[in-house]
Protein backbone atom coordinates (compact mmCIF):
# COMPACT_ATOMS: atom_id res chain seq x y z
CA MET A 1 130.66 116.24 129.41
CA PRO A 2 128.76 114.17 126.80
CA ARG A 3 127.44 116.09 123.84
CA PRO A 4 123.63 115.98 123.44
CA THR A 5 122.43 113.75 120.62
CA VAL A 6 120.71 115.53 117.77
CA PHE A 7 118.39 113.52 115.51
CA GLY A 8 120.01 115.08 112.46
CA GLU A 9 123.16 113.12 113.25
CA PHE A 10 121.26 109.89 112.62
CA PHE A 11 118.65 110.83 110.06
CA PRO A 12 119.30 113.18 107.16
CA PRO A 13 116.63 115.85 106.67
CA ASP A 14 113.77 114.54 104.58
CA SER A 15 110.80 116.60 103.57
CA LEU A 16 107.97 115.06 101.58
CA LEU A 17 104.54 116.34 100.66
CA LEU A 18 101.98 113.52 100.77
CA GLU A 19 98.44 113.08 99.56
CA ILE A 20 96.02 110.24 100.35
CA THR A 21 95.45 107.92 97.39
CA ALA A 22 93.37 105.17 99.02
CA SER A 23 91.71 104.84 102.39
CA ARG A 24 89.39 102.06 103.53
CA SER A 25 87.98 101.17 106.93
CA LEU A 26 85.40 98.81 108.34
CA SER A 27 83.30 101.65 109.70
CA VAL A 28 82.65 105.26 108.78
CA GLU A 29 84.63 106.50 111.75
CA VAL A 30 87.82 104.74 112.86
CA GLU A 31 89.22 105.80 116.18
CA ILE A 32 92.95 105.46 116.84
CA VAL A 33 93.31 104.08 120.35
CA ALA A 34 96.20 103.01 122.53
CA GLY A 35 96.26 99.34 123.40
CA ASP A 36 96.58 95.92 121.84
CA ARG A 37 95.72 96.79 118.25
CA ILE A 38 98.61 96.52 115.81
CA THR A 39 99.62 99.47 113.68
CA HIS A 40 101.38 98.66 110.44
CA LEU A 41 103.58 101.40 108.96
CA ALA A 42 105.04 100.66 105.54
CA GLU A 43 107.21 102.66 103.19
CA PHE A 44 107.34 101.89 99.47
CA ARG A 45 110.22 103.48 97.52
CA MET A 46 110.02 103.70 93.75
CA MET A 47 111.00 105.53 90.61
CA PRO A 48 108.60 108.43 89.96
CA SER A 49 107.53 106.80 86.68
CA ASN A 50 106.24 103.77 88.67
CA GLN A 51 104.06 105.71 91.09
CA PRO A 52 100.89 105.94 88.91
CA GLU A 53 100.82 102.15 88.49
CA MET A 54 101.59 101.67 92.19
CA VAL A 55 98.62 103.90 93.11
CA LYS A 56 96.40 101.87 90.79
CA ARG A 57 97.54 98.51 92.19
CA THR A 58 97.32 99.74 95.78
CA THR A 59 93.73 100.89 95.31
CA THR A 60 92.76 97.48 93.92
CA GLU A 61 94.66 95.54 96.56
CA VAL A 62 93.39 97.52 99.55
CA ASP A 63 89.82 96.70 98.48
CA ARG A 64 90.72 93.01 98.17
CA ALA A 65 92.48 93.08 101.55
CA ARG A 66 89.45 94.63 103.22
CA SER A 67 87.21 91.91 101.77
CA ASN A 68 89.52 89.00 102.65
CA SER A 69 91.12 90.06 105.94
CA PRO A 70 88.74 89.93 108.88
CA GLY A 71 91.24 91.53 111.28
CA LEU A 72 91.89 94.61 109.14
CA ILE A 73 90.40 97.71 110.77
CA SER A 74 91.67 100.38 108.37
CA ALA A 75 94.28 101.06 105.71
CA THR A 76 95.35 104.42 104.35
CA PHE A 77 97.89 104.94 101.57
CA HIS A 78 99.67 108.22 100.92
CA ARG A 79 101.74 109.09 97.84
CA SER A 80 104.59 111.56 97.91
CA LEU A 81 104.15 114.44 95.52
CA ASP A 82 107.70 113.96 94.23
CA GLY A 83 106.71 110.47 93.03
CA THR A 84 109.38 108.53 94.92
CA ARG A 85 107.41 107.03 97.83
CA MET A 86 104.13 105.76 99.17
CA PHE A 87 103.33 105.22 102.82
CA ASN A 88 100.74 102.91 104.33
CA TYR A 89 99.20 103.32 107.77
CA GLY A 90 97.07 100.32 108.71
CA GLN A 91 95.38 99.16 111.88
CA TRP A 92 94.77 95.51 112.71
CA GLU A 93 92.91 93.77 115.51
CA SER A 94 95.99 91.64 116.31
CA LYS A 95 99.44 90.63 115.12
CA GLU A 96 97.97 87.28 114.03
CA ALA A 97 95.43 89.08 111.83
CA PHE A 98 98.23 91.02 110.15
CA GLU A 99 100.35 87.89 109.67
CA ALA A 100 97.40 86.13 107.99
CA ILE A 101 97.42 88.61 105.10
CA LEU A 102 101.06 87.77 104.40
CA LYS A 103 99.86 84.32 103.31
CA GLN A 104 97.45 85.73 100.70
CA PRO A 105 98.37 86.11 97.02
CA GLY A 106 99.66 89.60 96.30
CA PHE A 107 100.64 90.19 99.92
CA ASN A 108 102.92 87.19 100.24
CA PRO A 109 106.53 88.44 100.44
CA ASP A 110 107.57 85.95 97.73
CA GLN A 111 105.32 87.58 95.11
CA PRO A 112 103.88 90.89 96.34
CA TYR A 113 101.59 93.12 94.27
CA TRP A 114 104.30 95.81 94.25
CA GLU A 115 106.91 93.50 92.69
CA GLY A 116 108.78 95.27 89.91
CA LEU A 117 107.44 98.69 90.98
CA ALA A 118 108.76 99.41 94.46
CA ARG A 119 110.83 98.28 97.42
CA ASN A 120 108.93 97.88 100.66
CA GLU A 121 109.91 98.08 104.29
CA PHE A 122 107.38 97.81 107.09
CA HIS A 123 107.26 97.61 110.86
CA LEU A 124 104.55 96.79 113.40
CA TYR A 125 103.73 99.00 116.37
CA HIS A 126 101.40 99.37 119.34
CA VAL A 127 99.88 102.81 119.82
CA VAL A 128 100.93 103.93 123.29
CA TYR A 129 99.48 107.44 123.44
CA VAL A 130 96.80 109.39 121.56
CA GLU A 131 95.97 113.08 121.95
CA THR A 132 92.87 114.31 120.17
CA ALA A 133 91.98 117.88 119.33
CA GLY A 134 88.93 119.39 120.92
C-alpha cells in the first residue's frame, strides 16, 4: 500500500514573521478576484544587512512602477523580521502587462534594482478561488 505523501518530505519547515513595507494600488480598495488577472508572487533572499537598503529601493521602485505600468493593479511588499527575505504580491490586468515592466530600467532582468542586494525568484499565477470573511 503506498505511503501518503507528507508536505514535510518535500519542503523543510520554514517559519517567517513578515511585515508590510510598501503597498500601492490604483484604487483605495483592491479586490482579489478569481479570473484572468495575473498574480505575481516573488521572493527576494538577502543577507540581513542588505534588507534596509532593499526596503528603501523597493519603496522607490514600486512608486515608479505604479506610475509607468498601466496594467499594474496593486503591489505589496513584505519583509521578514529575521532580515533574510522580502516577498512581493502583485496583481496585473494581464500577462502582457506584467511582461511590459520587465523591459523597463530597474525591472529588466539584466540590471534589476535589487542587483547586489538580493536574489529573486518569481512565478505568475491565476487566482482560482477566493473566500472572504463576513
